């Protein structure tokens, strides 16, 4: 996935820390890298010709989705104790994803109900 931002006043509005510092390409790249980083998936940010190009490799996100779907399928089949380690791993990989926490909590709740 590629996201392109024109370097200018709109980018300064989105990222106020860059106000008056847009000519600092290193700072701009760092701010954009930090913002578009999800868990351990860091984008490649390039600044050129008045634009910032953010390239995100979706393979890590896809891998997490595959694992999350696997955990959900296990939960649907009542195999909560098998799903819990997968969900805990996903929470560790991407602690900003609230859906992982919700599903993990639900799996814990359901596993205790069945015992």
PDB file of N, CA and C in Angstrom:
ATOM      1  N   UNK A   1       0.853  -1.162   0.000  1.00  0.00           N
ATOM      2  CA  UNK A   1       0.000   0.000   0.000  1.00  0.00           C
ATOM      3  C   UNK A   1       0.901   1.228   0.000  1.00  0.00           C
ATOM      4  N   UNK A   2       0.550   2.220  -0.783  1.00  0.00           N
ATOM      5  CA  UNK A   2       1.327   3.457  -0.863  1.00  0.00           C
ATOM      6  C   UNK A   2       0.416   4.630  -0.533  1.00  0.00           C
ATOM      7  N   UNK A   3       0.885   5.463   0.384  1.00  0.00           N
ATOM      8  CA  UNK A   3       0.179   6.689   0.766  1.00  0.00           C
ATOM      9  C   UNK A   3       1.082   7.844   0.360  1.00  0.00           C
ATOM     10  N   UNK A   4       0.515   8.834  -0.305  1.00  0.00           N
ATOM     11  CA  UNK A   4       1.306   9.980  -0.747  1.00  0.00           C
ATOM     12  C   UNK A   4       0.711  11.254  -0.160  1.00  0.00           C
ATOM     13  N   UNK A   5       1.564  12.020   0.503  1.00  0.00           N
ATOM     14  CA  UNK A   5       1.179  13.326   1.050  1.00  0.00           C
ATOM     15  C   UNK A   5       1.996  14.400   0.341  1.00  0.00           C
ATOM     16  N   UNK A   6       1.336  15.456  -0.085  1.00  0.00           N
ATOM     17  CA  UNK A   6       2.075  16.606  -0.587  1.00  0.00           C
ATOM     18  C   UNK A   6       2.629  17.341   0.625  1.00  0.00           C
ATOM     19  N   UNK A   7       3.878  17.729   0.548  1.00  0.00           N
ATOM     20  CA  UNK A   7       4.489  18.453   1.654  1.00  0.00           C
ATOM     21  C   UNK A   7       4.060  19.906   1.541  1.00  0.00           C
ATOM     22  N   UNK A   8       3.347  20.359   2.564  1.00  0.00           N
ATOM     23  CA  UNK A   8       2.834  21.723   2.564  1.00  0.00           C
ATOM     24  C   UNK A   8       1.973  21.975   3.782  1.00  0.00           C
ATOM     25  N   UNK A   9       1.138  22.990   3.693  1.00  0.00           N
ATOM     26  CA  UNK A   9       0.352  23.429   4.846  1.00  0.00           C
ATOM     27  C   UNK A   9      -0.631  22.365   5.343  1.00  0.00           C
ATOM     28  N   UNK A  10      -1.197  21.578   4.443  1.00  0.00           N
ATOM     29  CA  UNK A  10      -2.128  20.534   4.883  1.00  0.00           C
ATOM     30  C   UNK A  10      -1.410  19.493   5.736  1.00  0.00           C
ATOM     31  N   UNK A  11      -0.210  19.115   5.335  1.00  0.00           N
ATOM     32  CA  UNK A  11       0.571  18.159   6.115  1.00  0.00           C
ATOM     33  C   UNK A  11       0.910  18.747   7.488  1.00  0.00           C
ATOM     34  N   UNK A  12       1.169  20.052   7.519  1.00  0.00           N
ATOM     35  CA  UNK A  12       1.418  20.728   8.797  1.00  0.00           C
ATOM     36  C   UNK A  12       0.177  20.699   9.682  1.00  0.00           C
ATOM     37  N   UNK A  13      -0.991  20.771   9.086  1.00  0.00           N
ATOM     38  CA  UNK A  13      -2.235  20.686   9.863  1.00  0.00           C
ATOM     39  C   UNK A  13      -2.420  19.276  10.425  1.00  0.00           C
ATOM     40  N   UNK A  14      -2.088  18.279   9.630  1.00  0.00           N
ATOM     41  CA  UNK A  14      -2.205  16.900  10.088  1.00  0.00           C
ATOM     42  C   UNK A  14      -1.180  16.577  11.170  1.00  0.00           C
ATOM     43  N   UNK A  15       0.012  17.144  11.043  1.00  0.00           N
ATOM     44  CA  UNK A  15       1.116  16.874  11.963  1.00  0.00           C
ATOM     45  C   UNK A  15       1.683  18.204  12.456  1.00  0.00           C
ATOM     46  N   UNK A  16       1.047  18.802  13.475  1.00  0.00           N
ATOM     47  CA  UNK A  16       1.464  20.124  13.951  1.00  0.00           C
ATOM     48  C   UNK A  16       2.935  20.217  14.373  1.00  0.00           C
ATOM     49  N   UNK A  17       3.538  19.109  14.759  1.00  0.00           N
ATOM     50  CA  UNK A  17       4.942  19.115  15.150  1.00  0.00           C
ATOM     51  C   UNK A  17       5.842  19.542  13.981  1.00  0.00           C
ATOM     52  N   UNK A  18       5.333  19.442  12.760  1.00  0.00           N
ATOM     53  CA  UNK A  18       6.103  19.812  11.574  1.00  0.00           C
ATOM     54  C   UNK A  18       5.942  21.277  11.179  1.00  0.00           C
ATOM     55  N   UNK A  19       5.085  22.029  11.878  1.00  0.00           N
ATOM     56  CA  UNK A  19       4.861  23.441  11.522  1.00  0.00           C
ATOM     57  C   UNK A  19       6.186  24.200  11.499  1.00  0.00           C
ATOM     58  N   UNK A  20       6.472  24.811  10.364  1.00  0.00           N
ATOM     59  CA  UNK A  20       7.693  25.591  10.201  1.00  0.00           C
ATOM     60  C   UNK A  20       8.948  24.750  10.032  1.00  0.00           C
ATOM     61  N   UNK A  21       8.792  23.444   9.969  1.00  0.00           N
ATOM     62  CA  UNK A  21       9.954  22.550   9.879  1.00  0.00           C
ATOM     63  C   UNK A  21       9.856  21.622   8.665  1.00  0.00           C
ATOM     64  N   UNK A  22       9.014  21.980   7.726  1.00  0.00           N
ATOM     65  CA  UNK A  22       8.766  21.093   6.592  1.00  0.00           C
ATOM     66  C   UNK A  22      10.009  20.884   5.721  1.00  0.00           C
ATOM     67  N   UNK A  23      10.992  21.783   5.826  1.00  0.00           N
ATOM     68  CA  UNK A  23      12.202  21.598   5.029  1.00  0.00           C
ATOM     69  C   UNK A  23      13.157  20.581   5.652  1.00  0.00           C
ATOM     70  N   UNK A  24      12.861  20.134   6.868  1.00  0.00           N
ATOM     71  CA  UNK A  24      13.671  19.112   7.536  1.00  0.00           C
ATOM     72  C   UNK A  24      13.148  17.739   7.120  1.00  0.00           C
ATOM     73  N   UNK A  25      13.708  17.206   6.047  1.00  0.00           N
ATOM     74  CA  UNK A  25      13.227  15.938   5.488  1.00  0.00           C
ATOM     75  C   UNK A  25      13.390  14.781   6.468  1.00  0.00           C
ATOM     76  N   UNK A  26      14.464  14.807   7.237  1.00  0.00           N
ATOM     77  CA  UNK A  26      14.698  13.729   8.201  1.00  0.00           C
ATOM     78  C   UNK A  26      13.610  13.725   9.279  1.00  0.00           C
ATOM     79  N   UNK A  27      13.258  14.906   9.798  1.00  0.00           N
ATOM     80  CA  UNK A  27      12.196  15.006  10.805  1.00  0.00           C
ATOM     81  C   UNK A  27      10.854  14.588  10.213  1.00  0.00           C
ATOM     82  N   UNK A  28      10.553  15.055   9.014  1.00  0.00           N
ATOM     83  CA  UNK A  28       9.300  14.704   8.352  1.00  0.00           C
ATOM     84  C   UNK A  28       9.196  13.191   8.177  1.00  0.00           C
ATOM     85  N   UNK A  29      10.273  12.571   7.714  1.00  0.00           N
ATOM     86  CA  UNK A  29      10.271  11.111   7.524  1.00  0.00           C
ATOM     87  C   UNK A  29      10.081  10.393   8.855  1.00  0.00           C
ATOM     88  N   UNK A  30      10.712  10.874   9.919  1.00  0.00           N
ATOM     89  CA  UNK A  30      10.577  10.237  11.234  1.00  0.00           C
ATOM     90  C   UNK A  30       9.152  10.346  11.751  1.00  0.00           C
ATOM     91  N   UNK A  31       8.564  11.540  11.649  1.00  0.00           N
ATOM     92  CA  UNK A  31       7.193  11.749  12.125  1.00  0.00           C
ATOM     93  C   UNK A  31       6.225  10.841  11.369  1.00  0.00           C
ATOM     94  N   UNK A  32       6.364  10.772  10.060  1.00  0.00           N
ATOM     95  CA  UNK A  32       5.476   9.931   9.254  1.00  0.00           C
ATOM     96  C   UNK A  32       5.713   8.446   9.522  1.00  0.00           C
ATOM     97  N   UNK A  33       6.962   8.062   9.691  1.00  0.00           N
ATOM     98  CA  UNK A  33       7.269   6.666  10.006  1.00  0.00           C
ATOM     99  C   UNK A  33       6.623   6.280  11.327  1.00  0.00           C
ATOM    100  N   UNK A  34       6.787   7.115  12.343  1.00  0.00           N
ATOM    101  CA  UNK A  34       6.197   6.824  13.653  1.00  0.00           C
ATOM    102  C   UNK A  34       4.673   6.747  13.568  1.00  0.00           C
ATOM    103  N   UNK A  35       4.071   7.661  12.833  1.00  0.00           N
ATOM    104  CA  UNK A  35       2.611   7.702  12.749  1.00  0.00           C
ATOM    105  C   UNK A  35       2.041   6.476  12.038  1.00  0.00           C
ATOM    106  N   UNK A  36       2.680   6.066  10.963  1.00  0.00           N
ATOM    107  CA  UNK A  36       2.140   4.967  10.162  1.00  0.00           C
ATOM    108  C   UNK A  36       2.655   3.584  10.590  1.00  0.00           C
ATOM    109  N   UNK A  37       3.426   3.525  11.672  1.00  0.00           N
ATOM    110  CA  UNK A  37       3.872   2.246  12.195  1.00  0.00           C
ATOM    111  C   UNK A  37       2.740   1.601  12.967  1.00  0.00           C
ATOM    112  N   UNK A  38       2.473   0.349  12.660  1.00  0.00           N
ATOM    113  CA  UNK A  38       1.458  -0.424  13.366  1.00  0.00           C
ATOM    114  C   UNK A  38       2.158  -1.636  13.946  1.00  0.00           C
ATOM    115  N   UNK A  39       2.192  -1.679  15.273  1.00  0.00           N
ATOM    116  CA  UNK A  39       2.876  -2.763  15.979  1.00  0.00           C
ATOM    117  C   UNK A  39       4.314  -2.840  15.481  1.00  0.00           C
ATOM    118  N   UNK A  40       4.707  -3.964  14.927  1.00  0.00           N
ATOM    119  CA  UNK A  40       6.074  -4.128  14.443  1.00  0.00           C
ATOM    120  C   UNK A  40       6.179  -3.922  12.933  1.00  0.00           C
ATOM    121  N   UNK A  41       5.156  -3.356  12.341  1.00  0.00           N
ATOM    122  CA  UNK A  41       5.131  -3.131  10.892  1.00  0.00           C
ATOM    123  C   UNK A  41       5.448  -1.659  10.626  1.00  0.00           C
ATOM    124  N   UNK A  42       6.702  -1.412  10.213  1.00  0.00           N
ATOM    125  CA  UNK A  42       7.161  -0.041   9.972  1.00  0.00           C
ATOM    126  C   UNK A  42       7.147   0.248   8.468  1.00  0.00           C
ATOM    127  N   UNK A  43       6.652   1.411   8.095  1.00  0.00           N
ATOM    128  CA  UNK A  43       6.633   1.757   6.677  1.00  0.00           C
ATOM    129  C   UNK A  43       7.992   2.272   6.202  1.00  0.00           C
ATOM    130  N   UNK A  44       8.159   2.286   4.910  1.00  0.00           N
ATOM    131  CA  UNK A  44       9.313   2.917   4.282  1.00  0.00           C
ATOM    132  C   UNK A  44       8.843   4.293   3.830  1.00  0.00           C
ATOM    133  N   UNK A  45       9.478   5.359   4.333  1.00  0.00           N
ATOM    134  CA  UNK A  45       9.065   6.724   3.999  1.00  0.00           C
ATOM    135  C   UNK A  45      10.169   7.382   3.176  1.00  0.00           C
ATOM    136  N   UNK A  46       9.757   7.913   2.018  1.00  0.00           N
ATOM    137  CA  UNK A  46      10.688   8.622   1.145  1.00  0.00           C
ATOM    138  C   UNK A  46      10.153  10.023   0.893  1.00  0.00           C
ATOM    139  N   UNK A  47      11.037  10.993   0.978  1.00  0.00           N
ATOM    140  CA  UNK A  47      10.685  12.380   0.702  1.00  0.00           C
ATOM    141  C   UNK A  47      11.370  12.765  -0.606  1.00  0.00           C
ATOM    142  N   UNK A  48      10.560  13.223  -1.573  1.00  0.00           N
ATOM    143  CA  UNK A  48      11.155  13.658  -2.833  1.00  0.00           C
ATOM    144  C   UNK A  48      10.187  14.535  -3.616  1.00  0.00           C
ATOM    145  N   UNK A  49      10.768  15.545  -4.231  1.00  0.00           N
ATOM    146  CA  UNK A  49      10.040  16.441  -5.139  1.00  0.00           C
ATOM    147  C   UNK A  49       8.752  16.988  -4.532  1.00  0.00           C
ATOM    148  N   UNK A  50       8.807  17.373  -3.247  1.00  0.00           N
ATOM    149  CA  UNK A  50       7.655  17.995  -2.611  1.00  0.00           C
ATOM    150  C   UNK A  50       6.580  17.038  -2.134  1.00  0.00           C
ATOM    151  N   UNK A  51       6.894  15.758  -2.125  1.00  0.00           N
ATOM    152  CA  UNK A  51       5.932  14.759  -1.681  1.00  0.00           C
ATOM    153  C   UNK A  51       6.586  13.790  -0.692  1.00  0.00           C
ATOM    154  N   UNK A  52       5.769  13.267   0.196  1.00  0.00           N
ATOM    155  CA  UNK A  52       6.186  12.192   1.089  1.00  0.00           C
ATOM    156  C   UNK A  52       5.461  10.936   0.633  1.00  0.00           C
ATOM    157  N   UNK A  53       6.226   9.901   0.368  1.00  0.00           N
ATOM    158  CA  UNK A  53       5.667   8.625  -0.069  1.00  0.00           C
ATOM    159  C   UNK A  53       5.856   7.621   1.061  1.00  0.00           C
ATOM    160  N   UNK A  54       4.752   7.075   1.548  1.00  0.00           N
ATOM    161  CA  UNK A  54       4.774   6.106   2.634  1.00  0.00           C
ATOM    162  C   UNK A  54       4.386   4.756   2.048  1.00  0.00           C
ATOM    163  N   UNK A  55       5.300   3.798   2.124  1.00  0.00           N
ATOM    164  CA  UNK A  55       5.058   2.470   1.573  1.00  0.00           C
ATOM    165  C   UNK A  55       4.923   1.502   2.734  1.00  0.00           C
ATOM    166  N   UNK A  56       3.735   0.911   2.860  1.00  0.00           N
ATOM    167  CA  UNK A  56       3.452  -0.042   3.923  1.00  0.00           C
ATOM    168  C   UNK A  56       3.344  -1.428   3.292  1.00  0.00           C
ATOM    169  N   UNK A  57       4.135  -2.349   3.800  1.00  0.00           N
ATOM    170  CA  UNK A  57       4.074  -3.724   3.320  1.00  0.00           C
ATOM    171  C   UNK A  57       2.944  -4.424   4.070  1.00  0.00           C
ATOM    172  N   UNK A  58       1.884  -4.780   3.390  1.00  0.00           N
ATOM    173  CA  UNK A  58       0.727  -5.343   4.081  1.00  0.00           C
ATOM    174  C   UNK A  58       0.881  -6.796   4.516  1.00  0.00           C
ATOM    175  N   UNK A  59       2.005  -7.442   4.213  1.00  0.00           N
ATOM    176  CA  UNK A  59       2.122  -8.870   4.526  1.00  0.00           C
ATOM    177  C   UNK A  59       2.017  -9.144   6.023  1.00  0.00           C
ATOM    178  N   UNK A  60       2.576  -8.268   6.862  1.00  0.00           N
ATOM    179  CA  UNK A  60       2.463  -8.453   8.305  1.00  0.00           C
ATOM    180  C   UNK A  60       1.031  -8.304   8.788  1.00  0.00           C
ATOM    181  N   UNK A  61       0.316  -7.365   8.213  1.00  0.00           N
ATOM    182  CA  UNK A  61      -1.087  -7.152   8.570  1.00  0.00           C
ATOM    183  C   UNK A  61      -1.914  -8.357   8.120  1.00  0.00           C
ATOM    184  N   UNK A  62      -1.630  -8.848   6.926  1.00  0.00           N
ATOM    185  CA  UNK A  62      -2.352 -10.016   6.411  1.00  0.00           C
ATOM    186  C   UNK A  62      -2.098 -11.223   7.304  1.00  0.00           C
ATOM    187  N   UNK A  63      -0.849 -11.406   7.720  1.00  0.00           N
ATOM    188  CA  UNK A  63      -0.517 -12.541   8.594  1.00  0.00           C
ATOM    189  C   UNK A  63      -1.285 -12.454   9.908  1.00  0.00           C
ATOM    190  N   UNK A  64      -1.400 -11.244  10.460  1.00  0.00           N
ATOM    191  CA  UNK A  64      -2.169 -11.077  11.695  1.00  0.00           C
ATOM    192  C   UNK A  64      -3.639 -11.395  11.460  1.00  0.00           C
ATOM    193  N   UNK A  65      -4.168 -10.983  10.324  1.00  0.00           N
ATOM    194  CA  UNK A  65      -5.570 -11.281  10.017  1.00  0.00           C
ATOM    195  C   UNK A  65      -5.819 -12.775   9.905  1.00  0.00           C
ATOM    196  N   UNK A  66      -4.871 -13.493   9.307  1.00  0.00           N
ATOM    197  CA  UNK A  66      -5.001 -14.946   9.181  1.00  0.00           C
ATOM    198  C   UNK A  66      -5.039 -15.574  10.578  1.00  0.00           C
ATOM    199  N   UNK A  67      -4.139 -15.148  11.451  1.00  0.00           N
ATOM    200  CA  UNK A  67      -4.100 -15.688  12.815  1.00  0.00           C
ATOM    201  C   UNK A  67      -5.371 -15.332  13.588  1.00  0.00           C
ATOM    202  N   UNK A  68      -5.848 -14.100  13.416  1.00  0.00           N
ATOM    203  CA  UNK A  68      -7.064 -13.671  14.112  1.00  0.00           C
ATOM    204  C   UNK A  68      -8.264 -14.496  13.637  1.00  0.00           C
ATOM    205  N   UNK A  69      -8.354 -14.721  12.335  1.00  0.00           N
ATOM    206  CA  UNK A  69      -9.450 -15.542  11.801  1.00  0.00           C
ATOM    207  C   UNK A  69      -9.363 -16.972  12.335  1.00  0.00           C
ATOM    208  N   UNK A  70      -8.148 -17.484  12.444  1.00  0.00           N
ATOM    209  CA  UNK A  70      -7.954 -18.830  12.986  1.00  0.00           C
ATOM    210  C   UNK A  70      -8.449 -18.888  14.436  1.00  0.00           C
ATOM    211  N   UNK A  71      -8.077 -17.882  15.231  1.00  0.00           N
ATOM    212  CA  UNK A  71      -8.519 -17.834  16.633  1.00  0.00           C
ATOM    213  C   UNK A  71     -10.041 -17.715  16.719  1.00  0.00           C
ATOM    214  N   UNK A  72     -10.630 -16.886  15.872  1.00  0.00           N
ATOM    215  CA  UNK A  72     -12.090 -16.754  15.866  1.00  0.00           C
ATOM    216  C   UNK A  72     -12.770 -18.074  15.525  1.00  0.00           C
ATOM    217  N   UNK A  73     -12.231 -18.785  14.546  1.00  0.00           N
ATOM    218  CA  UNK A  73     -12.801 -20.083  14.172  1.00  0.00           C
ATOM    219  C   UNK A  73     -12.721 -21.078  15.321  1.00  0.00           C
ATOM    220  N   UNK A  74     -11.608 -21.058  16.029  1.00  0.00           N
ATOM    221  CA  UNK A  74     -11.477 -21.942  17.191  1.00  0.00           C
ATOM    222  C   UNK A  74     -12.521 -21.579  18.251  1.00  0.00           C
ATOM    223  N   UNK A  75     -12.716 -20.304  18.482  1.00  0.00           N
ATOM    224  CA  UNK A  75     -13.721 -19.855  19.463  1.00  0.00           C
ATOM    225  C   UNK A  75     -15.116 -20.305  19.045  1.00  0.00           C
ATOM    226  N   UNK A  76     -15.427 -20.171  17.779  1.00  0.00           N
ATOM    227  CA  UNK A  76     -16.747 -20.578  17.290  1.00  0.00           C
ATOM    228  C   UNK A  76     -16.999 -22.068  17.488  1.00  0.00           C
ATOM    229  N   UNK A  77     -15.927 -22.832  17.512  1.00  0.00           N
ATOM    230  CA  UNK A  77     -16.056 -24.268  17.729  1.00  0.00           C
ATOM    231  C   UNK A  77     -15.907 -24.643  19.210  1.00  0.00           C
ATOM    232  N   UNK A  78     -15.838 -23.617  20.069  1.00  0.00           N
ATOM    233  CA  UNK A  78     -15.748 -23.867  21.502  1.00  0.00           C
ATOM    234  C   UNK A  78     -14.355 -24.238  21.986  1.00  0.00           C
ATOM    235  N   UNK A  79     -13.353 -24.049  21.160  1.00  0.00           N
ATOM    236  CA  UNK A  79     -11.975 -24.406  21.516  1.00  0.00           C
ATOM    237  C   UNK A  79     -11.235 -23.159  22.032  1.00  0.00           C
ATOM    238  N   UNK A  80     -11.756 -22.612  23.123  1.00  0.00           N
ATOM    239  CA  UNK A  80     -11.242 -21.359  23.665  1.00  0.00           C
ATOM    240  C   UNK A  80      -9.805 -21.488  24.162  1.00  0.00           C
ATOM    241  N   UNK A  81      -9.469 -22.622  24.781  1.00  0.00           N
ATOM    242  CA  UNK A  81      -8.112 -22.805  25.302  1.00  0.00           C
ATOM    243  C   UNK A  81      -7.066 -22.875  24.191  1.00  0.00           C
ATOM    244  N   UNK A  82      -7.475 -23.254  22.992  1.00  0.00           N
ATOM    245  CA  UNK A  82      -6.557 -23.235  21.848  1.00  0.00           C
ATOM    246  C   UNK A  82      -6.457 -21.830  21.247  1.00  0.00           C
ATOM    247  N   UNK A  83      -7.544 -21.086  21.334  1.00  0.00           N
ATOM    248  CA  UNK A  83      -7.566 -19.740  20.760  1.00  0.00           C
ATOM    249  C   UNK A  83      -6.815 -18.730  21.630  1.00  0.00           C
ATOM    250  N   UNK A  84      -6.842 -18.922  22.932  1.00  0.00           N
ATOM    251  CA  UNK A  84      -6.256 -17.934  23.848  1.00  0.00           C
ATOM    252  C   UNK A  84      -4.778 -17.672  23.573  1.00  0.00           C
ATOM    253  N   UNK A  85      -3.923 -18.676  23.400  1.00  0.00           N
ATOM    254  CA  UNK A  85      -2.508 -18.362  23.114  1.00  0.00           C
ATOM    255  C   UNK A  85      -2.310 -17.579  21.810  1.00  0.00           C
ATOM    256  N   UNK A  86      -3.127 -17.873  20.817  1.00  0.00           N
ATOM    257  CA  UNK A  86      -3.040 -17.142  19.550  1.00  0.00           C
ATOM    258  C   UNK A  86      -3.401 -15.682  19.779  1.00  0.00           C
ATOM    259  N   UNK A  87      -4.481 -15.460  20.511  1.00  0.00           N
ATOM    260  CA  UNK A  87      -4.928 -14.091  20.779  1.00  0.00           C
ATOM    261  C   UNK A  87      -3.923 -13.331  21.643  1.00  0.00           C
ATOM    262  N   UNK A  88      -3.329 -14.002  22.611  1.00  0.00           N
ATOM    263  CA  UNK A  88      -2.301 -13.354  23.440  1.00  0.00           C
ATOM    264  C   UNK A  88      -1.107 -12.939  22.581  1.00  0.00           C
ATOM    265  N   UNK A  89      -0.734 -13.786  21.650  1.00  0.00           N
ATOM    266  CA  UNK A  89       0.364 -13.457  20.742  1.00  0.00           C
ATOM    267  C   UNK A  89       0.012 -12.240  19.884  1.00  0.00           C
ATOM    268  N   UNK A  90      -1.223 -12.190  19.397  1.00  0.00           N
ATOM    269  CA  UNK A  90      -1.658 -11.049  18.583  1.00  0.00           C
ATOM    270  C   UNK A  90      -1.660  -9.756  19.391  1.00  0.00           C
ATOM    271  N   UNK A  91      -2.084  -9.824  20.643  1.00  0.00           N
ATOM    272  CA  UNK A  91      -2.068  -8.639  21.509  1.00  0.00           C
ATOM    273  C   UNK A  91      -0.634  -8.149  21.686  1.00  0.00           C
ATOM    274  N   UNK A  92       0.300  -9.082  21.856  1.00  0.00           N
ATOM    275  CA  UNK A  92       1.709  -8.692  22.006  1.00  0.00           C
ATOM    276  C   UNK A  92       2.259  -8.067  20.734  1.00  0.00           C
ATOM    277  N   UNK A  93       1.837  -8.564  19.579  1.00  0.00           N
ATOM    278  CA  UNK A  93       2.309  -8.035  18.300  1.00  0.00           C
ATOM    279  C   UNK A  93       1.712  -6.675  17.995  1.00  0.00           C
ATOM    280  N   UNK A  94       0.445  -6.488  18.362  1.00  0.00           N
ATOM    281  CA  UNK A  94      -0.260  -5.258  18.012  1.00  0.00           C
ATOM    282  C   UNK A  94      -1.153  -4.823  19.169  1.00  0.00           C
ATOM    283  N   UNK A  95      -0.543  -4.223  20.205  1.00  0.00           N
ATOM    284  CA  UNK A  95      -1.320  -3.839  21.384  1.00  0.00           C
ATOM    285  C   UNK A  95      -2.327  -2.710  21.143  1.00  0.00           C
ATOM    286  N   UNK A  96      -2.298  -2.095  19.992  1.00  0.00           N
ATOM    287  CA  UNK A  96      -3.248  -1.021  19.697  1.00  0.00           C
ATOM    288  C   UNK A  96      -4.557  -1.538  19.109  1.00  0.00           C
ATOM    289  N   UNK A  97      -4.633  -2.830  18.827  1.00  0.00           N
ATOM    290  CA  UNK A  97      -5.831  -3.389  18.206  1.00  0.00           C
ATOM    291  C   UNK A  97      -6.802  -3.851  19.292  1.00  0.00           C
ATOM    292  N   UNK A  98      -7.824  -3.064  19.535  1.00  0.00           N
ATOM    293  CA  UNK A  98      -8.778  -3.364  20.609  1.00  0.00           C
ATOM    294  C   UNK A  98      -9.588  -4.634  20.336  1.00  0.00           C
ATOM    295  N   UNK A  99      -9.746  -4.992  19.085  1.00  0.00           N
ATOM    296  CA  UNK A  99     -10.504  -6.201  18.749  1.00  0.00           C
ATOM    297  C   UNK A  99      -9.805  -7.457  19.272  1.00  0.00           C
ATOM    298  N   UNK A 100      -8.476  -7.438  19.279  1.00  0.00           N
ATOM    299  CA  UNK A 100      -7.736  -8.568  19.832  1.00  0.00           C
ATOM    300  C   UNK A 100      -8.030  -8.722  21.331  1.00  0.00           C
ATOM    301  N   UNK A 101      -8.030  -7.594  22.052  1.00  0.00           N
ATOM    302  CA  UNK A 101      -8.318  -7.631  23.487  1.00  0.00           C
ATOM    303  C   UNK A 101      -9.744  -8.101  23.754  1.00  0.00           C
ATOM    304  N   UNK A 102     -10.686  -7.570  22.985  1.00  0.00           N
ATOM    305  CA  UNK A 102     -12.087  -7.942  23.182  1.00  0.00           C
ATOM    306  C   UNK A 102     -12.284  -9.437  22.973  1.00  0.00           C
ATOM    307  N   UNK A 103     -11.721  -9.955  21.897  1.00  0.00           N
ATOM    308  CA  UNK A 103     -11.877 -11.376  21.600  1.00  0.00           C
ATOM    309  C   UNK A 103     -11.159 -12.232  22.643  1.00  0.00           C
ATOM    310  N   UNK A 104      -9.995 -11.792  23.095  1.00  0.00           N
ATOM    311  CA  UNK A 104      -9.269 -12.518  24.133  1.00  0.00           C
ATOM    312  C   UNK A 104     -10.079 -12.552  25.429  1.00  0.00           C
ATOM    313  N   UNK A 105     -10.631 -11.416  25.806  1.00  0.00           N
ATOM    314  CA  UNK A 105     -11.460 -11.372  27.016  1.00  0.00           C
ATOM    315  C   UNK A 105     -12.683 -12.263  26.900  1.00  0.00           C
ATOM    316  N   UNK A 106     -13.285 -12.251  25.748  1.00  0.00           N
ATOM    317  CA  UNK A 106     -14.458 -13.094  25.521  1.00  0.00           C
ATOM    318  C   UNK A 106     -14.072 -14.580  25.570  1.00  0.00           C
ATOM    319  N   UNK A 107     -12.908 -14.908  25.015  1.00  0.00           N
ATOM    320  CA  UNK A 107     -12.450 -16.300  25.048  1.00  0.00           C
ATOM    321  C   UNK A 107     -12.182 -16.747  26.480  1.00  0.00           C
ATOM    322  N   UNK A 108     -11.557 -15.875  27.281  1.00  0.00           N
ATOM    323  CA  UNK A 108     -11.336 -16.204  28.694  1.00  0.00           C
ATOM    324  C   UNK A 108     -12.671 -16.419  29.399  1.00  0.00           C
ATOM    325  N   UNK A 109     -13.602 -15.508  29.158  1.00  0.00           N
ATOM    326  CA  UNK A 109     -14.917 -15.601  29.800  1.00  0.00           C
ATOM    327  C   UNK A 109     -15.624 -16.902  29.437  1.00  0.00           C
ATOM    328  N   UNK A 110     -15.603 -17.230  28.172  1.00  0.00           N
ATOM    329  CA  UNK A 110     -16.279 -18.434  27.715  1.00  0.00           C
ATOM    330  C   UNK A 110     -15.565 -19.702  28.204  1.00  0.00           C
ATOM    331  N   UNK A 111     -14.239 -19.657  28.287  1.00  0.00           N
ATOM    332  CA  UNK A 111     -13.512 -20.857  28.741  1.00  0.00           C
ATOM    333  C   UNK A 111     -13.821 -21.149  30.210  1.00  0.00           C
ATOM    334  N   UNK A 112     -14.048 -20.108  31.018  1.00  0.00           N
ATOM    335  CA  UNK A 112     -14.388 -20.314  32.422  1.00  0.00           C
ATOM    336  C   UNK A 112     -15.845 -20.786  32.570  1.00  0.00           C
ATOM    337  N   UNK A 113     -16.696 -20.358  31.658  1.00  0.00           N
ATOM    338  CA  UNK A 113     -18.099 -20.776  31.709  1.00  0.00           C
ATOM    339  C   UNK A 113     -18.236 -22.271  31.472  1.00  0.00           C
ATOM    340  N   UNK A 114     -17.385 -22.789  30.623  1.00  0.00           N
ATOM    341  CA  UNK A 114     -17.492 -24.202  30.254  1.00  0.00           C
ATOM    342  C   UNK A 114     -16.850 -25.130  31.280  1.00  0.00           C
ATOM    343  N   UNK A 115     -16.177 -24.547  32.270  1.00  0.00           N
ATOM    344  CA  UNK A 115     -15.532 -25.410  33.286  1.00  0.00           C
ATOM    345  C   UNK A 115     -16.264 -25.355  34.590  1.00  0.00           C
TER     346      UNK A 115
END
